[in-house]
Protein backbone atom coordinates (compact mmCIF):
# COMPACT_ATOMS: atom_id res chain seq x y z
CA MET A 1 155.73 99.24 155.86
CA ILE A 2 155.28 102.60 154.11
CA ASP A 3 154.21 102.09 150.53
CA SER A 4 153.16 105.48 149.32
CA ALA A 5 152.58 107.42 146.15
CA GLY A 6 155.77 109.20 145.26
CA SER A 7 158.08 106.62 146.84
CA ASN A 8 159.28 105.59 143.39
CA LEU A 9 160.05 109.13 142.29
CA SER A 10 163.65 110.21 142.38
CA SER A 11 164.87 112.12 145.41
CA THR A 12 165.78 115.04 143.20
CA LEU A 13 162.23 115.44 141.88
CA LEU A 14 160.74 115.14 145.35
CA LEU A 15 163.09 117.73 146.82
CA THR A 16 162.59 120.14 143.94
CA PHE A 17 158.79 119.88 144.20
CA ALA A 18 158.75 120.42 147.98
CA ALA A 19 161.19 123.34 147.99
CA ILE A 20 159.52 125.24 145.13
CA SER A 21 156.07 124.62 146.57
CA LEU A 22 157.15 125.90 150.00
CA VAL A 23 158.78 129.08 148.69
CA ARG A 24 155.72 129.86 146.57
CA GLY A 25 153.48 129.46 149.60
CA ASN A 26 151.55 126.56 148.05
CA LEU A 27 152.92 123.57 149.96
CA ILE A 28 149.85 122.84 152.08
CA LEU A 29 147.54 123.24 149.05
CA ASP A 30 149.72 120.97 146.94
CA GLN A 31 149.74 118.40 149.75
CA LEU A 32 145.95 118.45 149.80
CA LYS A 33 145.76 117.83 146.03
CA ILE A 34 148.18 114.90 146.28
CA HIS A 35 146.30 113.37 149.21
CA GLU A 36 143.01 113.67 147.29
CA LYS A 37 144.58 111.88 144.32
CA CYS A 38 146.84 109.33 146.01
CA GLY A 39 145.28 108.57 149.38
CA ASP A 40 145.95 109.04 153.09
CA VAL A 41 149.73 108.47 153.02
CA PHE A 42 152.36 109.83 150.67
CA ARG A 43 156.04 110.68 150.69
CA LEU A 44 156.52 114.45 150.67
CA ALA A 45 160.32 114.18 150.54
CA PRO A 46 162.79 111.26 150.78
CA ASN A 47 162.63 111.34 154.58
CA GLU A 48 159.22 112.96 155.17
CA ILE A 49 155.81 111.31 155.25
CA SER A 50 152.46 113.11 155.21
CA LEU A 51 149.41 111.35 156.74
CA THR A 52 145.75 112.39 156.78
CA LYS A 53 144.00 109.42 158.39
CA GLU A 54 141.96 110.51 161.39
CA GLU A 55 143.88 108.29 163.80
CA ALA A 56 147.21 109.76 162.65
CA TRP A 57 146.71 112.84 164.85
CA ASN A 58 146.58 110.88 168.11
CA ASP A 59 149.25 108.43 166.95
CA ILE A 60 151.72 111.25 166.26
CA TYR A 61 150.89 114.03 168.69
CA VAL A 62 149.35 112.28 171.74
CA HIS A 63 151.29 110.02 174.11
CA ARG A 64 150.45 106.33 173.62
CA PRO A 65 151.19 103.86 176.44
CA GLY A 66 153.78 101.34 175.32
CA HIS A 67 155.06 103.57 172.49
CA ALA A 68 158.02 105.95 172.42
CA ASP A 69 156.90 109.48 171.59
CA PRO A 70 158.14 110.89 168.28
CA THR A 71 160.35 113.91 168.86
CA LYS A 72 159.94 117.36 167.39
CA ASP A 73 161.61 117.69 164.01
CA PRO A 74 164.88 119.59 164.62
CA VAL A 75 164.31 121.51 161.37
CA TRP A 76 161.45 123.34 163.06
CA ASP A 77 162.51 123.01 166.69
CA LYS A 78 166.27 123.30 166.98
CA GLY A 79 167.04 121.77 170.35
CA GLY A 80 165.02 124.23 172.41
CA THR A 81 167.48 127.12 172.09
CA PRO A 82 166.07 130.65 171.93
CA ASP A 83 168.27 131.56 168.98
CA GLU A 84 166.51 129.10 166.64
CA MET A 85 163.15 130.48 165.59
CA PRO A 86 160.13 128.39 164.55
CA GLN A 87 159.24 128.94 160.91
CA ASN A 88 155.65 129.97 161.27
CA ILE A 89 154.57 132.33 158.53
CA VAL A 90 151.32 134.23 159.06
CA THR A 91 149.58 137.35 157.75
CA SER A 92 148.08 140.12 159.84
CA LEU A 93 145.15 142.51 160.04
CA ASP A 94 146.21 145.58 162.01
CA THR A 95 143.52 145.83 164.68
CA GLU A 96 143.48 142.12 165.41
CA SER A 97 147.29 142.09 165.55
CA TRP A 98 147.35 144.98 168.03
CA PHE A 99 144.75 143.24 170.17
CA THR A 100 146.39 139.81 170.18
CA VAL A 101 149.88 141.20 170.81
CA ASP A 102 148.52 143.09 173.84
CA VAL A 103 146.67 140.01 175.10
CA VAL A 104 149.65 137.67 174.74
CA GLY A 105 151.76 140.26 176.55
CA GLU A 106 149.37 140.17 179.50
CA LEU A 107 149.04 136.37 179.49
CA ALA A 108 152.70 135.52 178.93
CA LEU A 109 154.52 138.42 180.59
CA GLY A 110 151.97 140.11 182.84
CA GLU A 111 152.34 143.36 180.90
CA SER A 112 150.62 144.86 177.86
CA PHE A 113 152.64 145.95 174.83
CA GLY A 114 150.39 149.02 174.43
CA CYS A 115 149.61 148.38 170.76
CA LEU A 116 145.92 149.30 170.96
CA ALA A 117 146.67 152.39 173.02
CA ASN A 118 149.30 153.55 170.51
CA SER A 119 147.51 152.23 167.38
CA LYS A 120 150.65 150.50 166.18
CA LEU A 121 152.58 147.30 166.70
CA HIS A 122 155.27 147.13 169.35
CA PRO A 123 158.76 147.30 167.76
CA TRP A 124 159.41 143.72 168.90
CA ALA A 125 156.32 142.46 166.98
CA ASN A 126 157.44 144.26 163.82
CA THR A 127 160.89 142.72 164.15
CA LEU A 128 159.39 139.25 164.57
CA ASN A 129 157.08 139.58 161.55
CA ASN A 130 159.87 140.73 159.26
CA PHE A 131 162.23 138.02 160.48
CA LEU A 132 159.74 135.19 159.91
CA LYS A 133 158.99 136.35 156.37
CA GLU A 134 162.67 136.33 155.49
CA MET A 135 163.25 132.91 157.03
CA ILE A 136 160.85 131.09 154.67
CA TYR A 137 163.68 130.86 152.13
CA THR A 138 166.04 129.25 154.60
CA ALA A 139 163.27 126.85 155.65
CA ALA A 140 163.24 125.49 152.09
CA THR A 141 166.89 124.42 152.49
CA ARG A 142 165.93 121.72 155.01
CA TRP A 143 165.73 119.30 152.08
CA TYR A 144 169.23 120.33 150.93
CA PRO A 145 171.53 119.94 153.97
CA MET A 146 174.59 120.32 151.74
CA ILE A 147 173.71 123.96 151.02
CA GLU A 148 171.94 124.87 154.27
CA THR A 149 175.09 126.21 155.95
CA MET A 150 175.99 128.22 152.86
CA VAL A 151 172.50 129.78 152.70
CA PHE A 152 172.71 130.86 156.33
CA LYS A 153 176.09 132.46 155.68
CA LEU A 154 174.59 134.41 152.78
CA LEU A 155 171.70 135.78 154.84
CA PRO A 156 171.74 139.60 155.10
CA LYS A 157 173.08 140.90 158.39
CA SER A 158 169.72 142.61 158.94
CA VAL A 159 167.98 139.21 159.17
CA MET A 160 170.39 137.91 161.79
CA GLU A 161 170.05 141.21 163.66
CA MET A 162 166.27 140.72 163.78
CA GLN A 163 166.81 137.23 165.19
CA ARG A 164 169.18 138.60 167.82
CA LYS A 165 166.71 141.30 168.88
CA HIS A 166 163.88 138.80 169.32
CA SER A 167 166.08 136.46 171.37
CA GLU A 168 167.27 139.36 173.53
CA PHE A 169 163.69 140.47 174.11
CA ALA A 170 162.59 137.01 175.33
CA ASN A 171 165.74 136.53 177.39
CA ASP A 172 165.39 139.93 179.09
CA ARG A 173 161.80 139.16 180.13
CA ILE A 174 162.89 135.87 181.66
CA ASN A 175 165.98 137.23 183.38
CA LYS A 176 164.15 140.03 185.18
CA ARG A 177 161.30 137.89 186.55
CA PRO A 178 163.04 136.49 189.66
CA ASN A 179 163.67 140.09 190.75
CA LEU A 180 160.00 141.11 190.72
CA GLU A 181 158.61 141.56 194.23
CA LYS A 182 155.16 140.31 193.23
CA GLN A 183 154.83 137.70 190.52
CA LYS A 184 151.77 137.95 188.28
CA PRO A 185 149.84 134.75 187.37
CA ASP A 186 151.08 134.60 183.78
CA PHE A 187 152.79 131.95 181.65
CA VAL A 188 156.28 132.95 182.72
CA ALA A 189 155.26 132.69 186.36
CA SER A 190 154.05 129.13 185.73
CA PHE A 191 157.40 128.25 184.10
CA MET A 192 159.28 129.61 187.11
CA LYS A 193 157.09 128.30 189.91
CA ASP A 194 159.44 126.49 192.29
CA ASN A 195 162.04 126.84 189.53
CA LEU A 196 163.86 130.08 190.23
CA ASP A 197 167.20 128.30 189.85
CA PHE A 198 165.98 126.57 186.64
CA HIS A 199 166.55 123.05 188.02
CA LYS A 200 163.21 121.77 186.66
CA ILE A 201 163.06 123.64 183.38
CA SER A 202 166.39 124.98 182.14
CA LEU A 203 166.92 128.66 181.40
CA LYS A 204 167.35 127.95 177.67
CA GLU A 205 164.18 125.86 177.54
CA THR A 206 162.24 128.55 179.41
CA GLN A 207 163.49 131.19 176.98
CA SER A 208 162.60 128.97 174.03
CA ASN A 209 159.10 128.29 175.39
CA LEU A 210 158.48 132.01 175.80
CA ALA A 211 159.72 132.74 172.27
CA ILE A 212 157.32 130.13 170.86
CA LEU A 213 154.39 131.42 172.93
CA LEU A 214 155.02 134.96 171.71
CA VAL A 215 155.02 133.78 168.09
CA ALA A 216 151.96 131.54 168.41
CA GLY A 217 149.95 134.05 170.40
CA THR A 218 150.34 137.08 168.17
CA ASP A 219 149.75 137.04 164.41
CA ALA A 220 148.66 133.39 164.33
CA THR A 221 145.81 134.26 166.69
CA ALA A 222 145.04 137.46 164.79
CA THR A 223 144.80 135.51 161.54
CA SER A 224 142.29 133.06 163.00
CA MET A 225 140.27 135.83 164.63
CA SER A 226 140.00 137.97 161.52
CA GLU A 227 138.94 135.06 159.31
CA THR A 228 136.36 133.83 161.85
CA LEU A 229 134.92 137.34 162.14
CA LEU A 230 134.72 137.53 158.34
CA TYR A 231 132.62 134.34 158.20
CA LEU A 232 130.37 135.64 160.98
CA ILE A 233 129.81 139.00 159.27
CA GLN A 234 128.91 137.18 156.06
CA ASN A 235 126.38 135.06 157.99
CA PRO A 236 124.22 137.46 160.12
CA PRO A 237 121.94 134.75 161.66
CA ARG A 238 125.00 132.94 163.07
CA LEU A 239 126.49 136.22 164.30
CA HIS A 240 123.20 137.13 166.03
CA LYS A 241 123.03 133.72 167.71
CA LEU A 242 126.59 134.08 169.01
CA VAL A 243 126.05 137.62 170.30
CA SER A 244 122.81 136.52 171.99
CA GLU A 245 124.53 133.62 173.79
CA ILE A 246 127.31 135.88 175.08
CA ARG A 247 125.02 138.72 176.24
CA LYS A 248 122.59 136.37 177.98
CA THR A 249 125.46 134.74 179.86
CA PHE A 250 127.48 137.81 180.85
CA HIS A 251 125.97 141.01 182.19
CA ARG A 252 129.18 142.53 183.54
CA LYS A 253 132.79 142.45 182.38
CA LYS A 254 133.97 140.89 185.62
CA ASP A 255 131.61 137.93 185.10
CA ILE A 256 133.71 136.66 182.20
CA GLU A 257 135.90 133.79 183.41
CA ILE A 258 137.63 130.86 181.71
CA ALA A 259 135.44 128.29 183.48
CA THR A 260 132.26 130.04 182.33
CA LEU A 261 133.50 130.50 178.78
CA ARG A 262 133.96 126.74 178.48
CA ASP A 263 130.20 126.34 179.01
CA LEU A 264 129.27 128.54 176.03
CA SER A 265 128.64 125.78 173.52
CA TYR A 266 127.94 127.99 170.52
CA LEU A 267 130.96 130.23 171.13
CA ASN A 268 133.24 127.20 171.31
CA ALA A 269 131.63 125.73 168.19
CA VAL A 270 132.33 128.99 166.32
CA ILE A 271 135.97 129.01 167.46
CA ASN A 272 136.50 125.37 166.45
CA GLU A 273 134.85 125.88 163.07
CA GLY A 274 136.93 129.01 162.47
CA LEU A 275 140.10 127.07 163.20
CA ARG A 276 138.95 124.25 160.91
CA LEU A 277 138.20 126.58 158.00
CA THR A 278 141.21 128.86 158.33
CA ASN A 279 143.91 127.21 160.37
CA PRO A 280 146.62 129.83 161.06
CA VAL A 281 149.41 127.24 160.77
CA PRO A 282 149.95 126.63 157.02
CA GLY A 283 151.50 123.18 157.25
CA GLY A 284 152.03 120.20 159.50
CA LEU A 285 153.74 119.91 162.88
CA PRO A 286 156.66 117.60 162.04
CA ARG A 287 157.77 114.89 164.43
CA VAL A 288 160.66 112.41 164.07
CA VAL A 289 159.93 108.69 164.46
CA PRO A 290 161.85 107.26 167.46
CA PRO A 291 164.42 104.43 167.27
CA GLY A 292 162.97 101.12 166.13
CA GLY A 293 160.24 102.74 164.07
CA ASP A 294 156.53 102.59 164.92
CA ILE A 295 153.04 102.30 163.46
CA TYR A 296 151.13 105.48 162.67
CA ALA A 297 147.63 105.34 161.21
CA ASP A 298 148.07 101.62 160.50
CA THR A 299 151.31 102.31 158.62
CA PHE A 300 154.78 101.24 159.82
CA VAL A 301 157.25 104.11 159.46
CA PRO A 302 161.03 103.63 159.91
CA ALA A 303 163.00 105.40 162.63
CA GLY A 304 164.30 108.87 161.84
CA THR A 305 161.51 109.67 159.37
CA SER A 306 159.78 113.04 159.68
CA ILE A 307 156.00 112.61 159.93
CA SER A 308 153.14 115.07 160.19
CA VAL A 309 149.43 115.66 159.63
CA PRO A 310 148.90 118.63 157.26
CA LEU A 311 146.64 121.23 158.89
C-alpha cells in the first residue's frame, strides 16, 4: 500500500504547494527535489502519486498481460474531444519552430504550412502557442474542482476564441480529407484508412488525435532540437563525429530514409541524450489507476489515483 512522504500533510497544504509550483513553472523541479529527499514514491496531491523507480515507466505506460491498463487522466485528456486541449507548455526558437511546424504539416496533413518560406509562423501556430500559455492557470485548478467551473467562466473571451480556432482548424483538415482524389501517405491518411465512415476510429477521436499530434510535433519538437543543437555546438568533437556519420552514410538527399536513419547509431544516441537532458514535456504523463487498484513499481496504488513518472 502507498506509504509516501507527504501522505500525512493536510490536503490544503498539498494542494497549495502543487498549484503555486505549477503556476510558477517550477513543478517538475520541485518534484525532483522532493524525490531526491524522500525517495522514489511521494504524494504530489491528495489523489496524485509521483513515482521515479525505473520499472514504474513500463508498469504505467506499457500494457502488462493480466493487468488492466491505467487510463489517461481526464484533467489532461478530456474524453478525446477536440475542444479540450492538452496542457503542454513549451518555449520556441523561431527557426526551429518554423521548421518543425512545416514538417509536422507535411507528416500529419500532407501539406506544408509555409513557415520557412514566409519566415514567420502560420497563424494557426501562433493561436495555439498563445492559447496554451493562457491555459496554464486553468490547469492549476485541477486540484480545486469546486472552483474549476468558475475559473473557466472567468476566462477572457479571447482565450476561448483561440481554442475555437484551433479546433476548427483540426476539424476542417479532417473533414476535407475524404474528398481528396489522391490521399497522401500522412498521419491523417493512416487514421482514415478503411475508415472513411469513422466506424473504426470515431470522427471526434480522429480530430482529437490530430490536435494532439499538431501540438506535440511543433514547439515541443523545436524545443528539443534547439537544446540538442546547443549542446552539440558547445562540444565540437561530438558535433564533428555526428556530421561525419551522416555525410559518410548519405551522399544524396533522396538516400535519406527512415529505415536507414535507424541504423545511424551515433545520430540516435545524440537524439536520445538530447531528450534525456532537455525533455520538452515539463511534467509527467498522468494515468488513472483502474478499478481494483494495482501494483506500480512494487507499490500498491488504490483505484482512481492519478499516477505518473516525472520527465
